[in-house]
């Protein structure tokens, strides 16, 4: 796979490996940013509907967890 990327982008082996790391880090960062947004949407939808289900506490817990994941992904992004 690295050889195909290296040939397609006319880069060195280190450049191809760096591209793969960058794509993976970017995908992880996008998921880390969108997960809390989706959970917040579910929470607001439940609150506006007037329901107090167990999903409300799960949304808050997951949102808190993902808030702590952003510094972790930033560390991985800049120190890969």
C-alpha atoms as a PDB file:
ATOM      1  CA  UNK A   1       0.000   0.000   0.000  1.00  0.00           C
ATOM      2  CA  UNK A   2       2.826   2.380   0.865  1.00  0.00           C
ATOM      3  CA  UNK A   3       4.382   1.705  -2.536  1.00  0.00           C
ATOM      4  CA  UNK A   4       1.138   2.597  -4.338  1.00  0.00           C
ATOM      5  CA  UNK A   5       0.824   5.849  -2.376  1.00  0.00           C
ATOM      6  CA  UNK A   6       4.482   6.594  -2.960  1.00  0.00           C
ATOM      7  CA  UNK A   7       4.091   6.050  -6.703  1.00  0.00           C
ATOM      8  CA  UNK A   8       0.813   8.018  -6.962  1.00  0.00           C
ATOM      9  CA  UNK A   9       2.137  11.035  -5.063  1.00  0.00           C
ATOM     10  CA  UNK A  10       5.750  10.834  -6.232  1.00  0.00           C
ATOM     11  CA  UNK A  11       6.972  10.921  -2.644  1.00  0.00           C
ATOM     12  CA  UNK A  12       9.587   9.149  -0.572  1.00  0.00           C
ATOM     13  CA  UNK A  13       8.711   6.222   1.713  1.00  0.00           C
ATOM     14  CA  UNK A  14       8.769   8.592   4.683  1.00  0.00           C
ATOM     15  CA  UNK A  15       6.416  10.952   2.856  1.00  0.00           C
ATOM     16  CA  UNK A  16       3.968   8.149   2.068  1.00  0.00           C
ATOM     17  CA  UNK A  17       4.011   6.981   5.696  1.00  0.00           C
ATOM     18  CA  UNK A  18       3.487  10.562   6.835  1.00  0.00           C
ATOM     19  CA  UNK A  19       0.506  10.876   4.485  1.00  0.00           C
ATOM     20  CA  UNK A  20      -1.086   7.744   5.946  1.00  0.00           C
ATOM     21  CA  UNK A  21      -0.503   9.037   9.492  1.00  0.00           C
ATOM     22  CA  UNK A  22      -1.998  12.392   8.541  1.00  0.00           C
ATOM     23  CA  UNK A  23      -5.112  10.845   7.010  1.00  0.00           C
ATOM     24  CA  UNK A  24      -5.664   8.651  10.075  1.00  0.00           C
ATOM     25  CA  UNK A  25      -5.103  11.553  12.470  1.00  0.00           C
ATOM     26  CA  UNK A  26      -7.517  13.735  10.490  1.00  0.00           C
ATOM     27  CA  UNK A  27     -10.193  11.033  10.496  1.00  0.00           C
ATOM     28  CA  UNK A  28      -9.801  10.559  14.259  1.00  0.00           C
ATOM     29  CA  UNK A  29      -9.980  14.309  14.807  1.00  0.00           C
ATOM     30  CA  UNK A  30     -13.170  14.594  12.746  1.00  0.00           C
ATOM     31  CA  UNK A  31     -14.797  11.797  14.748  1.00  0.00           C
ATOM     32  CA  UNK A  32     -13.676  13.373  18.028  1.00  0.00           C
ATOM     33  CA  UNK A  33     -15.314  16.657  17.023  1.00  0.00           C
ATOM     34  CA  UNK A  34     -18.535  15.223  15.573  1.00  0.00           C
ATOM     35  CA  UNK A  35     -19.362  12.701  18.302  1.00  0.00           C
ATOM     36  CA  UNK A  36     -20.097  15.333  20.989  1.00  0.00           C
ATOM     37  CA  UNK A  37     -22.133  17.320  18.455  1.00  0.00           C
ATOM     38  CA  UNK A  38     -24.296  14.312  17.659  1.00  0.00           C
ATOM     39  CA  UNK A  39     -24.762  13.493  21.326  1.00  0.00           C
ATOM     40  CA  UNK A  40     -25.690  17.081  22.080  1.00  0.00           C
ATOM     41  CA  UNK A  41     -28.280  16.926  19.295  1.00  0.00           C
ATOM     42  CA  UNK A  42     -29.830  13.819  20.865  1.00  0.00           C
ATOM     43  CA  UNK A  43     -29.850  15.435  24.295  1.00  0.00           C
ATOM     44  CA  UNK A  44     -31.535  18.639  23.078  1.00  0.00           C
ATOM     45  CA  UNK A  45     -34.051  16.609  21.071  1.00  0.00           C
ATOM     46  CA  UNK A  46     -34.995  14.648  24.204  1.00  0.00           C
ATOM     47  CA  UNK A  47     -35.186  17.781  26.328  1.00  0.00           C
ATOM     48  CA  UNK A  48     -37.442  19.552  23.827  1.00  0.00           C
ATOM     49  CA  UNK A  49     -39.678  16.506  23.603  1.00  0.00           C
ATOM     50  CA  UNK A  50     -40.024  16.574  27.393  1.00  0.00           C
ATOM     51  CA  UNK A  51     -38.746  13.064  27.933  1.00  0.00           C
ATOM     52  CA  UNK A  52     -36.331  12.257  30.707  1.00  0.00           C
ATOM     53  CA  UNK A  53     -34.974   8.939  29.599  1.00  0.00           C
ATOM     54  CA  UNK A  54     -31.831   7.064  30.506  1.00  0.00           C
ATOM     55  CA  UNK A  55     -30.389   8.249  27.201  1.00  0.00           C
ATOM     56  CA  UNK A  56     -30.088  11.749  28.688  1.00  0.00           C
ATOM     57  CA  UNK A  57     -27.564  10.660  31.288  1.00  0.00           C
ATOM     58  CA  UNK A  58     -25.770   8.498  28.727  1.00  0.00           C
ATOM     59  CA  UNK A  59     -25.506  11.488  26.358  1.00  0.00           C
ATOM     60  CA  UNK A  60     -24.076  13.674  29.113  1.00  0.00           C
ATOM     61  CA  UNK A  61     -21.610  10.987  30.168  1.00  0.00           C
ATOM     62  CA  UNK A  62     -20.450  10.350  26.584  1.00  0.00           C
ATOM     63  CA  UNK A  63     -20.187  14.070  25.879  1.00  0.00           C
ATOM     64  CA  UNK A  64     -18.012  14.502  28.957  1.00  0.00           C
ATOM     65  CA  UNK A  65     -15.857  11.553  27.868  1.00  0.00           C
ATOM     66  CA  UNK A  66     -15.414  12.920  24.365  1.00  0.00           C
ATOM     67  CA  UNK A  67     -14.503  16.338  25.753  1.00  0.00           C
ATOM     68  CA  UNK A  68     -11.556  14.627  27.400  1.00  0.00           C
ATOM     69  CA  UNK A  69     -10.652  12.872  24.146  1.00  0.00           C
ATOM     70  CA  UNK A  70      -9.945  16.105  22.260  1.00  0.00           C
ATOM     71  CA  UNK A  71      -6.659  16.804  24.114  1.00  0.00           C
ATOM     72  CA  UNK A  72      -5.637  13.176  23.593  1.00  0.00           C
ATOM     73  CA  UNK A  73      -6.240  13.341  19.847  1.00  0.00           C
ATOM     74  CA  UNK A  74      -4.404  16.670  19.629  1.00  0.00           C
ATOM     75  CA  UNK A  75      -1.406  15.099  21.344  1.00  0.00           C
ATOM     76  CA  UNK A  76      -1.502  12.184  18.905  1.00  0.00           C
ATOM     77  CA  UNK A  77      -1.963  14.544  15.951  1.00  0.00           C
ATOM     78  CA  UNK A  78       1.139  16.605  16.761  1.00  0.00           C
ATOM     79  CA  UNK A  79       3.373  13.827  18.099  1.00  0.00           C
ATOM     80  CA  UNK A  80       2.894  10.944  15.655  1.00  0.00           C
END
